[in-house]
Amino acid sequence: MSIESIVAAIALAIEKEEQAEAFYGDWADRIQDPGSASMLRELAAQEAGHKQRLEAGLAIAEGVEPGAVPEGIASADALVEPDLTPQSTTQDVLIVAVKREERAEQMYAELAKWAPPGDLRDLLAGLAGEEATHQARLRDLYDTLVLTDD
């Protein structure tokens, strides 16, 4: 999928943040591990904050010179998620969450490289860093659960 403009890429990112917030909120209510559920609720709130910041960034993006976003950046194909079922374990959910955060970090990092210098680039680079932090926290939690469950 080719994204026609930075505005379209940010609109897609907003949609992905909404999906991430819903994902974390939904699975926080389903999984059995209280520590994991707490982290997922916290991440849901942070993703809601990302959405708000991106919505504010749309005004900045609308002033950017029109042009196609390079192929592969913010591609919907790159963001397809594997299905989780009601029988999915906490570990399954954390694996999917890590992968989602990894893709989000990559998307924001690539968009930041492409965006013109200024507030929009700073916003996107900052979001890439926050997604990397989310990913690291989820990996640490996963490692703790795997090590203690064995």
Protein backbone atom coordinates (compact mmCIF):
# COMPACT_ATOMS: atom_id res chain seq x y z
CA MET A 1 0.00 0.00 0.00
CA SER A 2 1.37 3.37 -0.93
CA ILE A 3 0.66 6.30 1.37
CA GLU A 4 -0.01 9.45 -0.65
CA SER A 5 1.12 12.03 1.88
CA ILE A 6 2.46 12.61 5.35
CA VAL A 7 -1.09 13.59 6.36
CA ALA A 8 -2.35 10.16 5.24
CA ALA A 9 0.53 8.46 7.06
CA ILE A 10 -0.31 10.30 10.27
CA ALA A 11 -4.01 9.47 9.85
CA LEU A 12 -2.99 5.80 9.58
CA ALA A 13 -0.80 6.18 12.67
CA ILE A 14 -3.77 7.64 14.58
CA GLU A 15 -5.84 4.62 13.56
CA LYS A 16 -3.06 2.28 14.73
CA GLU A 17 -2.84 4.09 18.09
CA GLU A 18 -6.61 3.66 18.52
CA GLN A 19 -6.22 -0.04 17.77
CA ALA A 20 -3.31 -0.32 20.20
CA GLU A 21 -5.29 1.38 22.97
CA ALA A 22 -8.22 -0.98 22.37
CA PHE A 23 -5.91 -4.02 22.19
CA TYR A 24 -4.20 -3.23 25.50
CA GLY A 25 -7.45 -2.33 27.25
CA ASP A 26 -9.22 -5.46 26.04
CA TRP A 27 -6.43 -7.86 26.92
CA ALA A 28 -5.79 -6.19 30.29
CA ASP A 29 -9.29 -7.32 31.24
CA ARG A 30 -8.76 -10.87 29.94
CA ILE A 31 -5.36 -12.03 31.13
CA GLN A 32 -4.83 -13.63 34.52
CA ASP A 33 -1.48 -12.11 35.54
CA PRO A 34 -2.19 -8.92 37.55
CA GLY A 35 1.21 -7.36 36.80
CA SER A 36 0.76 -7.87 33.08
CA ALA A 37 -2.79 -6.54 33.20
CA SER A 38 -1.59 -3.43 35.02
CA MET A 39 1.12 -2.78 32.44
CA LEU A 40 -1.35 -3.25 29.59
CA ARG A 41 -3.72 -0.70 31.16
CA GLU A 42 -0.84 1.74 31.50
CA LEU A 43 0.16 1.19 27.87
CA ALA A 44 -3.45 1.71 26.77
CA ALA A 45 -3.41 5.14 28.43
CA GLN A 46 -0.07 5.99 26.81
CA GLU A 47 -1.34 4.98 23.37
CA ALA A 48 -4.34 7.28 23.90
CA GLY A 49 -1.84 10.06 24.61
CA HIS A 50 0.03 9.21 21.40
CA LYS A 51 -3.22 9.52 19.48
CA GLN A 52 -3.87 12.97 20.94
CA ARG A 53 -0.36 14.14 20.06
CA LEU A 54 -0.72 12.80 16.52
CA GLU A 55 -4.06 14.56 16.13
CA ALA A 56 -2.33 17.81 17.09
CA GLY A 57 0.46 16.91 14.63
CA LEU A 58 -2.02 16.71 11.77
CA ALA A 59 -2.18 20.51 11.66
CA ILE A 60 1.59 20.62 11.25
CA ALA A 61 1.51 17.87 8.62
CA GLU A 62 -1.09 19.71 6.58
CA GLY A 63 1.48 22.45 6.00
CA VAL A 64 4.08 19.99 4.68
CA GLU A 65 4.82 19.94 0.95
CA PRO A 66 2.65 17.24 -0.65
CA GLY A 67 4.40 14.14 -1.85
CA ALA A 68 4.21 10.41 -1.57
CA VAL A 69 5.65 8.80 1.53
CA PRO A 70 8.42 6.40 0.45
CA GLU A 71 7.21 2.84 -0.14
CA GLY A 72 7.22 0.68 2.98
CA ILE A 73 6.68 3.49 5.49
CA ALA A 74 3.44 3.15 7.44
CA SER A 75 2.33 0.36 5.14
CA ALA A 76 -0.84 -1.32 6.33
CA ASP A 77 0.66 -4.64 5.21
CA ALA A 78 3.50 -4.21 7.68
CA LEU A 79 1.04 -3.72 10.53
CA VAL A 80 -1.10 -6.86 10.13
CA GLU A 81 -1.53 -8.66 13.41
CA PRO A 82 -1.78 -12.37 14.06
CA ASP A 83 -5.05 -13.44 15.62
CA LEU A 84 -5.33 -14.04 19.33
CA THR A 85 -8.08 -16.26 20.66
CA PRO A 86 -9.90 -16.39 23.99
CA GLN A 87 -7.54 -19.25 24.86
CA SER A 88 -4.44 -17.11 24.30
CA THR A 89 -2.07 -16.98 27.24
CA THR A 90 -0.49 -13.95 28.83
CA GLN A 91 2.72 -14.92 27.06
CA ASP A 92 0.89 -15.00 23.70
CA VAL A 93 -0.50 -11.52 24.31
CA LEU A 94 2.90 -10.17 25.33
CA ILE A 95 4.52 -11.63 22.20
CA VAL A 96 1.96 -9.86 20.01
CA ALA A 97 2.34 -6.66 22.03
CA VAL A 98 6.14 -6.68 21.60
CA LYS A 99 5.77 -7.17 17.85
CA ARG A 100 3.21 -4.34 17.61
CA GLU A 101 5.48 -1.96 19.50
CA GLU A 102 8.43 -2.97 17.34
CA ARG A 103 6.51 -2.16 14.16
CA ALA A 104 5.21 1.11 15.62
CA GLU A 105 8.74 2.15 16.56
CA GLN A 106 9.98 1.37 13.04
CA MET A 107 7.09 3.24 11.44
CA TYR A 108 7.63 6.39 13.50
CA ALA A 109 11.40 6.26 13.02
CA GLU A 110 10.99 6.03 9.25
CA LEU A 111 8.37 8.78 9.17
CA ALA A 112 10.67 10.99 11.27
CA LYS A 113 13.47 10.50 8.74
CA TRP A 114 11.14 11.48 5.93
CA ALA A 115 9.43 14.42 7.65
CA PRO A 116 10.93 17.88 7.21
CA PRO A 117 12.98 19.24 10.14
CA GLY A 118 10.90 20.84 12.85
CA ASP A 119 8.00 20.06 15.15
CA LEU A 120 6.57 17.21 13.07
CA ARG A 121 9.91 15.39 12.85
CA ASP A 122 10.43 15.91 16.58
CA LEU A 123 6.97 14.52 17.34
CA LEU A 124 7.54 11.42 15.22
CA ALA A 125 11.04 10.81 16.58
CA GLY A 126 9.71 11.19 20.11
CA LEU A 127 6.95 8.67 19.45
CA ALA A 128 9.53 6.24 18.03
CA GLY A 129 11.44 6.52 21.29
CA GLU A 130 8.33 5.98 23.39
CA GLU A 131 7.37 2.90 21.37
CA ALA A 132 10.91 1.56 21.90
CA THR A 133 10.44 2.05 25.64
CA HIS A 134 7.10 0.22 25.52
CA GLN A 135 8.77 -2.62 23.64
CA ALA A 136 11.60 -2.88 26.18
CA ARG A 137 9.17 -2.93 29.11
CA LEU A 138 7.08 -5.64 27.47
CA ARG A 139 10.18 -7.71 26.69
CA ASP A 140 11.31 -7.43 30.32
CA LEU A 141 7.89 -8.51 31.56
CA TYR A 142 7.83 -11.39 29.11
CA ASP A 143 11.30 -12.53 30.20
CA THR A 144 10.26 -12.35 33.86
CA LEU A 145 7.13 -14.42 33.22
CA VAL A 146 8.96 -17.01 31.13
CA LEU A 147 11.73 -17.38 33.69
CA THR A 148 9.34 -17.69 36.64
CA ASP A 149 6.87 -19.99 34.88
CA ASP A 150 9.47 -22.64 34.04
